[in-house]
C-alpha atoms as a PDB file:
ATOM      1  CA  MET A   1       0.000   0.000   0.000  1.00  0.00           C
ATOM      2  CA  LYS A   2       2.770   2.347  -0.928  1.00  0.00           C
ATOM      3  CA  LYS A   3       0.209   4.735  -2.413  1.00  0.00           C
ATOM      4  CA  ILE A   4      -0.706   5.748   1.149  1.00  0.00           C
ATOM      5  CA  LYS A   5       2.436   7.854   1.240  1.00  0.00           C
ATOM      6  CA  ILE A   6       1.644   9.567  -2.063  1.00  0.00           C
ATOM      7  CA  TYR A   7      -1.883  10.514  -1.019  1.00  0.00           C
ATOM      8  CA  ARG A   8      -0.773  11.434   2.513  1.00  0.00           C
ATOM      9  CA  GLU A   9       1.855  13.821   1.184  1.00  0.00           C
ATOM     10  CA  GLN A  10      -0.645  15.322  -1.270  1.00  0.00           C
ATOM     11  CA  LYS A  11      -2.864  16.123   1.732  1.00  0.00           C
ATOM     12  CA  GLY A  12       0.109  17.723   3.505  1.00  0.00           C
ATOM     13  CA  MET A  13      -0.017  15.224   6.358  1.00  0.00           C
ATOM     14  CA  ASN A  14       2.799  13.465   8.130  1.00  0.00           C
ATOM     15  CA  GLN A  15       2.578   9.867   9.322  1.00  0.00           C
ATOM     16  CA  THR A  16       1.716  10.879  12.875  1.00  0.00           C
ATOM     17  CA  GLU A  17      -1.178  13.089  11.767  1.00  0.00           C
ATOM     18  CA  LEU A  18      -2.619  10.337   9.568  1.00  0.00           C
ATOM     19  CA  ALA A  19      -2.200   7.772  12.316  1.00  0.00           C
ATOM     20  CA  GLN A  20      -4.011   9.985  14.832  1.00  0.00           C
ATOM     21  CA  ALA A  21      -6.844  10.653  12.373  1.00  0.00           C
ATOM     22  CA  VAL A  22      -7.294   6.924  11.796  1.00  0.00           C
ATOM     23  CA  GLY A  23      -6.731   5.851  15.413  1.00  0.00           C
ATOM     24  CA  ILE A  24      -3.629   3.727  14.915  1.00  0.00           C
ATOM     25  CA  SER A  25       0.068   4.145  15.636  1.00  0.00           C
ATOM     26  CA  GLN A  26       2.568   6.006  13.478  1.00  0.00           C
ATOM     27  CA  GLY A  27       4.563   2.765  13.278  1.00  0.00           C
ATOM     28  CA  GLU A  28       1.637   1.026  11.627  1.00  0.00           C
ATOM     29  CA  ILE A  29       1.389   3.743   8.979  1.00  0.00           C
ATOM     30  CA  SER A  30       5.120   3.378   8.369  1.00  0.00           C
ATOM     31  CA  SER A  31       4.748  -0.403   7.999  1.00  0.00           C
ATOM     32  CA  TYR A  32       1.902   0.000   5.503  1.00  0.00           C
ATOM     33  CA  GLU A  33       3.765   2.586   3.447  1.00  0.00           C
ATOM     34  CA  SER A  34       6.901   0.456   3.265  1.00  0.00           C
ATOM     35  CA  GLY A  35       4.959  -2.678   2.365  1.00  0.00           C
ATOM     36  CA  VAL A  36       6.022  -4.595   5.469  1.00  0.00           C
ATOM     37  CA  LYS A  37       2.402  -5.034   6.572  1.00  0.00           C
ATOM     38  CA  SER A  38      -1.007  -4.661   4.986  1.00  0.00           C
ATOM     39  CA  PRO A  39      -3.807  -2.961   6.883  1.00  0.00           C
ATOM     40  CA  ARG A  40      -6.995  -4.758   7.798  1.00  0.00           C
ATOM     41  CA  VAL A  41      -9.932  -3.825   5.587  1.00  0.00           C
ATOM     42  CA  ASN A  42     -11.508  -1.533   8.186  1.00  0.00           C
ATOM     43  CA  VAL A  43      -8.209   0.308   8.673  1.00  0.00           C
ATOM     44  CA  ALA A  44      -7.662   0.633   4.911  1.00  0.00           C
ATOM     45  CA  LEU A  45     -11.161   2.081   4.565  1.00  0.00           C
ATOM     46  CA  ALA A  46     -10.480   4.566   7.358  1.00  0.00           C
ATOM     47  CA  ILE A  47      -7.184   5.617   5.757  1.00  0.00           C
ATOM     48  CA  ALA A  48      -8.894   6.090   2.391  1.00  0.00           C
ATOM     49  CA  GLU A  49     -11.636   8.183   3.985  1.00  0.00           C
ATOM     50  CA  VAL A  50      -9.173  10.441   5.802  1.00  0.00           C
ATOM     51  CA  LEU A  51      -7.131  10.881   2.622  1.00  0.00           C
ATOM     52  CA  GLY A  52     -10.245  11.559   0.533  1.00  0.00           C
ATOM     53  CA  VAL A  53      -9.677   8.715  -1.922  1.00  0.00           C
ATOM     54  CA  THR A  54     -11.435   5.478  -2.725  1.00  0.00           C
ATOM     55  CA  ILE A  55     -10.103   2.148  -1.557  1.00  0.00           C
ATOM     56  CA  ALA A  56      -9.540   1.287  -5.238  1.00  0.00           C
ATOM     57  CA  GLU A  57      -7.289   4.332  -5.649  1.00  0.00           C
ATOM     58  CA  LEU A  58      -5.405   3.393  -2.503  1.00  0.00           C
ATOM     59  CA  VAL A  59      -4.640  -0.169  -3.556  1.00  0.00           C
ATOM     60  CA  GLY A  60      -4.615   0.319  -7.338  1.00  0.00           C
END
């Protein structure tokens, strides 16, 4: 889910701000952006909502 970083930066957010908005840790955002871990569906949906994109855009 490396596109998280692209959309996050377009929104002018850092990892900590996104993590707080979604209710997860900054480390989890880092893991998702680097491809180490994949978020659960509910977390991916929350990230997409905060970033103002669809889940398809996030994973596509």
